[in-house]
Amino acid sequence: MKTVNVTYFKPSGKFYTKETIEISEELNGYEALFEEIPKRHRIEDMFMLVQDSDDDKEPYIVPHLFHPKKEWS
């Protein structure tokens, strides 16, 4: 399993919490970043920053900031 660092920020930009998640090493970078990791966005009203954990396992996770999930009407 590949370890990914996840940091959550409040909408004001203030730090909230940091955690790690595990994803399959069989995913490619696109699948990991845009299909699997967004499913793990557990605090939906906060920004989620994902970063590689430098564990030398594939796929390499390019740092990415996910915006809070919103209901669009």
PDB file of N, CA and C in Angstrom:
ATOM      1  N   MET A   1       0.835  -1.192   0.000  1.00  0.00           N
ATOM      2  CA  MET A   1       0.000   0.000   0.000  1.00  0.00           C
ATOM      3  C   MET A   1       0.876   1.251   0.000  1.00  0.00           C
ATOM      4  N   LYS A   2       0.406   2.254  -0.685  1.00  0.00           N
ATOM      5  CA  LYS A   2       1.073   3.548  -0.791  1.00  0.00           C
ATOM      6  C   LYS A   2       0.486   4.486   0.256  1.00  0.00           C
ATOM      7  N   THR A   3       1.322   5.197   0.969  1.00  0.00           N
ATOM      8  CA  THR A   3       0.878   6.157   1.986  1.00  0.00           C
ATOM      9  C   THR A   3       0.875   7.562   1.396  1.00  0.00           C
ATOM     10  N   VAL A   4      -0.200   8.305   1.674  1.00  0.00           N
ATOM     11  CA  VAL A   4      -0.362   9.675   1.185  1.00  0.00           C
ATOM     12  C   VAL A   4      -0.648  10.576   2.386  1.00  0.00           C
ATOM     13  N   ASN A   5       0.032  11.709   2.460  1.00  0.00           N
ATOM     14  CA  ASN A   5      -0.213  12.687   3.526  1.00  0.00           C
ATOM     15  C   ASN A   5      -1.368  13.596   3.137  1.00  0.00           C
ATOM     16  N   VAL A   6      -2.301  13.786   4.047  1.00  0.00           N
ATOM     17  CA  VAL A   6      -3.466  14.634   3.817  1.00  0.00           C
ATOM     18  C   VAL A   6      -3.536  15.677   4.929  1.00  0.00           C
ATOM     19  N   THR A   7      -3.693  16.942   4.545  1.00  0.00           N
ATOM     20  CA  THR A   7      -3.823  18.029   5.507  1.00  0.00           C
ATOM     21  C   THR A   7      -5.118  18.772   5.200  1.00  0.00           C
ATOM     22  N   TYR A   8      -5.905  19.033   6.233  1.00  0.00           N
ATOM     23  CA  TYR A   8      -7.159  19.770   6.076  1.00  0.00           C
ATOM     24  C   TYR A   8      -7.004  21.191   6.605  1.00  0.00           C
ATOM     25  N   PHE A   9      -7.604  22.136   5.864  1.00  0.00           N
ATOM     26  CA  PHE A   9      -7.588  23.542   6.238  1.00  0.00           C
ATOM     27  C   PHE A   9      -9.018  24.062   6.264  1.00  0.00           C
ATOM     28  N   LYS A  10      -9.301  24.918   7.243  1.00  0.00           N
ATOM     29  CA  LYS A  10     -10.601  25.565   7.320  1.00  0.00           C
ATOM     30  C   LYS A  10     -10.754  26.522   6.140  1.00  0.00           C
ATOM     31  N   PRO A  11     -11.979  26.893   5.767  1.00  0.00           N
ATOM     32  CA  PRO A  11     -12.170  27.852   4.673  1.00  0.00           C
ATOM     33  C   PRO A  11     -11.416  29.168   4.880  1.00  0.00           C
ATOM     34  N   SER A  12     -11.127  29.525   6.130  1.00  0.00           N
ATOM     35  CA  SER A  12     -10.357  30.742   6.421  1.00  0.00           C
ATOM     36  C   SER A  12      -8.877  30.566   6.082  1.00  0.00           C
ATOM     37  N   GLY A  13      -8.450  29.323   5.836  1.00  0.00           N
ATOM     38  CA  GLY A  13      -7.048  29.049   5.525  1.00  0.00           C
ATOM     39  C   GLY A  13      -6.258  28.542   6.713  1.00  0.00           C
ATOM     40  N   LYS A  14      -6.871  28.479   7.876  1.00  0.00           N
ATOM     41  CA  LYS A  14      -6.170  28.007   9.072  1.00  0.00           C
ATOM     42  C   LYS A  14      -6.086  26.487   9.084  1.00  0.00           C
ATOM     43  N   PHE A  15      -4.947  25.987   9.550  1.00  0.00           N
ATOM     44  CA  PHE A  15      -4.723  24.548   9.681  1.00  0.00           C
ATOM     45  C   PHE A  15      -5.776  23.925  10.594  1.00  0.00           C
ATOM     46  N   TYR A  16      -6.246  22.722  10.218  1.00  0.00           N
ATOM     47  CA  TYR A  16      -7.207  22.015  11.064  1.00  0.00           C
ATOM     48  C   TYR A  16      -6.629  20.700  11.573  1.00  0.00           C
ATOM     49  N   THR A  17      -6.221  19.786  10.664  1.00  0.00           N
ATOM     50  CA  THR A  17      -5.669  18.503  11.085  1.00  0.00           C
ATOM     51  C   THR A  17      -4.852  17.879   9.958  1.00  0.00           C
ATOM     52  N   LYS A  18      -4.025  16.916  10.343  1.00  0.00           N
ATOM     53  CA  LYS A  18      -3.194  16.207   9.376  1.00  0.00           C
ATOM     54  C   LYS A  18      -3.371  14.715   9.615  1.00  0.00           C
ATOM     55  N   GLU A  19      -3.412  13.921   8.537  1.00  0.00           N
ATOM     56  CA  GLU A  19      -3.554  12.477   8.661  1.00  0.00           C
ATOM     57  C   GLU A  19      -2.904  11.810   7.455  1.00  0.00           C
ATOM     58  N   THR A  20      -2.818  10.496   7.490  1.00  0.00           N
ATOM     59  CA  THR A  20      -2.320   9.738   6.352  1.00  0.00           C
ATOM     60  C   THR A  20      -3.410   8.778   5.896  1.00  0.00           C
ATOM     61  N   ILE A  21      -3.407   8.519   4.594  1.00  0.00           N
ATOM     62  CA  ILE A  21      -4.315   7.524   4.035  1.00  0.00           C
ATOM     63  C   ILE A  21      -3.486   6.555   3.218  1.00  0.00           C
ATOM     64  N   GLU A  22      -4.023   5.384   2.965  1.00  0.00           N
ATOM     65  CA  GLU A  22      -3.339   4.393   2.151  1.00  0.00           C
ATOM     66  C   GLU A  22      -4.155   4.126   0.900  1.00  0.00           C
ATOM     67  N   ILE A  23      -3.445   4.062  -0.236  1.00  0.00           N
ATOM     68  CA  ILE A  23      -4.077   3.739  -1.511  1.00  0.00           C
ATOM     69  C   ILE A  23      -3.302   2.589  -2.140  1.00  0.00           C
ATOM     70  N   SER A  24      -3.905   1.954  -3.118  1.00  0.00           N
ATOM     71  CA  SER A  24      -3.273   0.829  -3.800  1.00  0.00           C
ATOM     72  C   SER A  24      -2.093   1.304  -4.640  1.00  0.00           C
ATOM     73  N   GLU A  25      -1.028   0.527  -4.644  1.00  0.00           N
ATOM     74  CA  GLU A  25       0.130   0.836  -5.482  1.00  0.00           C
ATOM     75  C   GLU A  25      -0.139   0.528  -6.945  1.00  0.00           C
ATOM     76  N   GLU A  26      -1.226  -0.151  -7.242  1.00  0.00           N
ATOM     77  CA  GLU A  26      -1.529  -0.533  -8.615  1.00  0.00           C
ATOM     78  C   GLU A  26      -2.205   0.581  -9.405  1.00  0.00           C
ATOM     79  N   LEU A  27      -2.591   1.654  -8.736  1.00  0.00           N
ATOM     80  CA  LEU A  27      -3.194   2.792  -9.421  1.00  0.00           C
ATOM     81  C   LEU A  27      -2.110   3.598 -10.115  1.00  0.00           C
ATOM     82  N   ASN A  28      -2.474   4.237 -11.247  1.00  0.00           N
ATOM     83  CA  ASN A  28      -1.518   5.173 -11.833  1.00  0.00           C
ATOM     84  C   ASN A  28      -1.737   6.532 -11.174  1.00  0.00           C
ATOM     85  N   GLY A  29      -0.896   7.490 -11.454  1.00  0.00           N
ATOM     86  CA  GLY A  29      -0.969   8.787 -10.790  1.00  0.00           C
ATOM     87  C   GLY A  29      -2.294   9.498 -10.999  1.00  0.00           C
ATOM     88  N   TYR A  30      -2.843   9.429 -12.226  1.00  0.00           N
ATOM     89  CA  TYR A  30      -4.116  10.086 -12.508  1.00  0.00           C
ATOM     90  C   TYR A  30      -5.246   9.439 -11.718  1.00  0.00           C
ATOM     91  N   GLU A  31      -5.322   8.111 -11.739  1.00  0.00           N
ATOM     92  CA  GLU A  31      -6.375   7.404 -11.004  1.00  0.00           C
ATOM     93  C   GLU A  31      -6.302   7.714  -9.512  1.00  0.00           C
ATOM     94  N   ALA A  32      -5.085   7.730  -8.991  1.00  0.00           N
ATOM     95  CA  ALA A  32      -4.904   8.005  -7.563  1.00  0.00           C
ATOM     96  C   ALA A  32      -5.372   9.405  -7.212  1.00  0.00           C
ATOM     97  N   LEU A  33      -4.929  10.393  -7.989  1.00  0.00           N
ATOM     98  CA  LEU A  33      -5.183  11.793  -7.650  1.00  0.00           C
ATOM     99  C   LEU A  33      -6.605  12.258  -7.949  1.00  0.00           C
ATOM    100  N   PHE A  34      -7.206  11.745  -9.008  1.00  0.00           N
ATOM    101  CA  PHE A  34      -8.511  12.282  -9.408  1.00  0.00           C
ATOM    102  C   PHE A  34      -9.678  11.314  -9.258  1.00  0.00           C
ATOM    103  N   GLU A  35      -9.406  10.057  -8.896  1.00  0.00           N
ATOM    104  CA  GLU A  35     -10.495   9.111  -8.699  1.00  0.00           C
ATOM    105  C   GLU A  35     -10.533   8.578  -7.264  1.00  0.00           C
ATOM    106  N   GLU A  36      -9.412   8.065  -6.767  1.00  0.00           N
ATOM    107  CA  GLU A  36      -9.389   7.420  -5.448  1.00  0.00           C
ATOM    108  C   GLU A  36      -9.299   8.422  -4.288  1.00  0.00           C
ATOM    109  N   ILE A  37      -8.347   9.336  -4.343  1.00  0.00           N
ATOM    110  CA  ILE A  37      -8.128  10.260  -3.228  1.00  0.00           C
ATOM    111  C   ILE A  37      -9.334  11.167  -2.968  1.00  0.00           C
ATOM    112  N   PRO A  38     -10.019  11.714  -4.002  1.00  0.00           N
ATOM    113  CA  PRO A  38     -11.199  12.538  -3.701  1.00  0.00           C
ATOM    114  C   PRO A  38     -12.291  11.783  -2.939  1.00  0.00           C
ATOM    115  N   LYS A  39     -12.361  10.475  -3.090  1.00  0.00           N
ATOM    116  CA  LYS A  39     -13.327   9.678  -2.336  1.00  0.00           C
ATOM    117  C   LYS A  39     -13.025   9.722  -0.841  1.00  0.00           C
ATOM    118  N   ARG A  40     -11.782  10.004  -0.491  1.00  0.00           N
ATOM    119  CA  ARG A  40     -11.345  10.017   0.911  1.00  0.00           C
ATOM    120  C   ARG A  40     -11.435  11.397   1.542  1.00  0.00           C
ATOM    121  N   HIS A  41     -12.023  12.368   0.834  1.00  0.00           N
ATOM    122  CA  HIS A  41     -12.173  13.739   1.340  1.00  0.00           C
ATOM    123  C   HIS A  41     -13.240  13.707   2.431  1.00  0.00           C
ATOM    124  N   ARG A  42     -12.824  13.388   3.663  1.00  0.00           N
ATOM    125  CA  ARG A  42     -13.784  13.086   4.720  1.00  0.00           C
ATOM    126  C   ARG A  42     -14.360  14.309   5.433  1.00  0.00           C
ATOM    127  N   ILE A  43     -13.702  15.460   5.360  1.00  0.00           N
ATOM    128  CA  ILE A  43     -14.240  16.689   5.960  1.00  0.00           C
ATOM    129  C   ILE A  43     -14.619  17.597   4.791  1.00  0.00           C
ATOM    130  N   GLU A  44     -15.808  17.400   4.299  1.00  0.00           N
ATOM    131  CA  GLU A  44     -16.196  17.959   3.008  1.00  0.00           C
ATOM    132  C   GLU A  44     -16.277  19.476   2.941  1.00  0.00           C
ATOM    133  N   ASP A  45     -16.375  20.172   4.074  1.00  0.00           N
ATOM    134  CA  ASP A  45     -16.454  21.628   4.024  1.00  0.00           C
ATOM    135  C   ASP A  45     -15.092  22.297   4.230  1.00  0.00           C
ATOM    136  N   MET A  46     -14.015  21.519   4.099  1.00  0.00           N
ATOM    137  CA  MET A  46     -12.659  22.058   4.273  1.00  0.00           C
ATOM    138  C   MET A  46     -11.806  21.757   3.042  1.00  0.00           C
ATOM    139  N   PHE A  47     -10.749  22.562   2.873  1.00  0.00           N
ATOM    140  CA  PHE A  47      -9.772  22.306   1.822  1.00  0.00           C
ATOM    141  C   PHE A  47      -8.947  21.085   2.213  1.00  0.00           C
ATOM    142  N   MET A  48      -8.571  20.271   1.229  1.00  0.00           N
ATOM    143  CA  MET A  48      -7.763  19.080   1.486  1.00  0.00           C
ATOM    144  C   MET A  48      -6.499  19.153   0.624  1.00  0.00           C
ATOM    145  N   LEU A  49      -5.343  19.201   1.271  1.00  0.00           N
ATOM    146  CA  LEU A  49      -4.060  19.199   0.580  1.00  0.00           C
ATOM    147  C   LEU A  49      -3.501  17.784   0.637  1.00  0.00           C
ATOM    148  N   VAL A  50      -3.167  17.206  -0.529  1.00  0.00           N
ATOM    149  CA  VAL A  50      -2.567  15.875  -0.552  1.00  0.00           C
ATOM    150  C   VAL A  50      -1.124  15.998  -1.031  1.00  0.00           C
ATOM    151  N   GLN A  51      -0.248  15.190  -0.423  1.00  0.00           N
ATOM    152  CA  GLN A  51       1.169  15.201  -0.763  1.00  0.00           C
ATOM    153  C   GLN A  51       1.710  13.783  -0.677  1.00  0.00           C
ATOM    154  N   ASP A  52       2.739  13.517  -1.457  1.00  0.00           N
ATOM    155  CA  ASP A  52       3.408  12.230  -1.397  1.00  0.00           C
ATOM    156  C   ASP A  52       4.108  12.080  -0.047  1.00  0.00           C
ATOM    157  N   SER A  53       4.171  10.852   0.443  1.00  0.00           N
ATOM    158  CA  SER A  53       4.783  10.620   1.751  1.00  0.00           C
ATOM    159  C   SER A  53       6.268  10.279   1.665  1.00  0.00           C
ATOM    160  N   ASP A  54       6.825  10.299   0.456  1.00  0.00           N
ATOM    161  CA  ASP A  54       8.242   9.972   0.238  1.00  0.00           C
ATOM    162  C   ASP A  54       8.580   8.565   0.712  1.00  0.00           C
ATOM    163  N   ASP A  55       7.660   7.621   0.507  1.00  0.00           N
ATOM    164  CA  ASP A  55       7.913   6.242   0.905  1.00  0.00           C
ATOM    165  C   ASP A  55       8.522   5.414  -0.236  1.00  0.00           C
ATOM    166  N   ASP A  56       8.909   6.081  -1.331  1.00  0.00           N
ATOM    167  CA  ASP A  56       9.545   5.440  -2.492  1.00  0.00           C
ATOM    168  C   ASP A  56       8.683   4.364  -3.134  1.00  0.00           C
ATOM    169  N   LYS A  57       7.368   4.489  -2.995  1.00  0.00           N
ATOM    170  CA  LYS A  57       6.444   3.571  -3.655  1.00  0.00           C
ATOM    171  C   LYS A  57       5.688   4.342  -4.719  1.00  0.00           C
ATOM    172  N   GLU A  58       5.259   3.628  -5.738  1.00  0.00           N
ATOM    173  CA  GLU A  58       4.472   4.237  -6.809  1.00  0.00           C
ATOM    174  C   GLU A  58       3.004   4.150  -6.457  1.00  0.00           C
ATOM    175  N   PRO A  59       2.151   5.011  -6.929  1.00  0.00           N
ATOM    176  CA  PRO A  59       2.468   6.161  -7.784  1.00  0.00           C
ATOM    177  C   PRO A  59       2.941   7.358  -6.961  1.00  0.00           C
ATOM    178  N   TYR A  60       3.758   8.193  -7.592  1.00  0.00           N
ATOM    179  CA  TYR A  60       4.165   9.429  -6.937  1.00  0.00           C
ATOM    180  C   TYR A  60       2.962  10.367  -6.941  1.00  0.00           C
ATOM    181  N   ILE A  61       2.663  10.967  -5.824  1.00  0.00           N
ATOM    182  CA  ILE A  61       1.526  11.872  -5.708  1.00  0.00           C
ATOM    183  C   ILE A  61       2.015  13.313  -5.785  1.00  0.00           C
ATOM    184  N   VAL A  62       1.631  13.988  -6.862  1.00  0.00           N
ATOM    185  CA  VAL A  62       1.966  15.392  -7.037  1.00  0.00           C
ATOM    186  C   VAL A  62       1.117  16.196  -6.051  1.00  0.00           C
ATOM    187  N   PRO A  63       1.690  17.154  -5.316  1.00  0.00           N
ATOM    188  CA  PRO A  63       0.888  17.933  -4.370  1.00  0.00           C
ATOM    189  C   PRO A  63      -0.316  18.570  -5.062  1.00  0.00           C
ATOM    190  N   HIS A  64      -1.469  18.455  -4.415  1.00  0.00           N
ATOM    191  CA  HIS A  64      -2.705  18.970  -5.009  1.00  0.00           C
ATOM    192  C   HIS A  64      -3.640  19.464  -3.912  1.00  0.00           C
ATOM    193  N   LEU A  65      -4.315  20.577  -4.172  1.00  0.00           N
ATOM    194  CA  LEU A  65      -5.264  21.140  -3.233  1.00  0.00           C
ATOM    195  C   LEU A  65      -6.676  20.908  -3.752  1.00  0.00           C
ATOM    196  N   PHE A  66      -7.481  20.194  -2.956  1.00  0.00           N
ATOM    197  CA  PHE A  66      -8.877  19.964  -3.308  1.00  0.00           C
ATOM    198  C   PHE A  66      -9.732  20.976  -2.556  1.00  0.00           C
ATOM    199  N   HIS A  67     -10.628  21.627  -3.278  1.00  0.00           N
ATOM    200  CA  HIS A  67     -11.526  22.613  -2.675  1.00  0.00           C
ATOM    201  C   HIS A  67     -12.659  21.903  -1.939  1.00  0.00           C
ATOM    202  N   PRO A  68     -13.307  22.616  -1.018  1.00  0.00           N
ATOM    203  CA  PRO A  68     -14.441  22.013  -0.303  1.00  0.00           C
ATOM    204  C   PRO A  68     -15.519  21.578  -1.289  1.00  0.00           C
ATOM    205  N   LYS A  69     -16.147  20.449  -0.979  1.00  0.00           N
ATOM    206  CA  LYS A  69     -17.232  19.963  -1.828  1.00  0.00           C
ATOM    207  C   LYS A  69     -18.466  20.802  -1.529  1.00  0.00           C
ATOM    208  N   LYS A  70     -19.168  21.197  -2.580  1.00  0.00           N
ATOM    209  CA  LYS A  70     -20.360  22.034  -2.416  1.00  0.00           C
ATOM    210  C   LYS A  70     -21.500  21.425  -3.206  1.00  0.00           C
ATOM    211  N   GLU A  71     -22.684  21.640  -2.709  1.00  0.00           N
ATOM    212  CA  GLU A  71     -23.902  21.260  -3.432  1.00  0.00           C
ATOM    213  C   GLU A  71     -24.240  22.407  -4.380  1.00  0.00           C
ATOM    214  N   TRP A  72     -24.311  22.120  -5.648  1.00  0.00           N
ATOM    215  CA  TRP A  72     -24.689  23.145  -6.627  1.00  0.00           C
ATOM    216  C   TRP A  72     -26.136  22.926  -7.013  1.00  0.00           C
ATOM    217  N   SER A  73     -26.949  23.956  -6.905  1.00  0.00           N
ATOM    218  CA  SER A  73     -28.352  23.805  -7.270  1.00  0.00           C
ATOM    219  C   SER A  73     -28.637  24.458  -8.593  1.00  0.00           C
TER     220      SER A  73
END
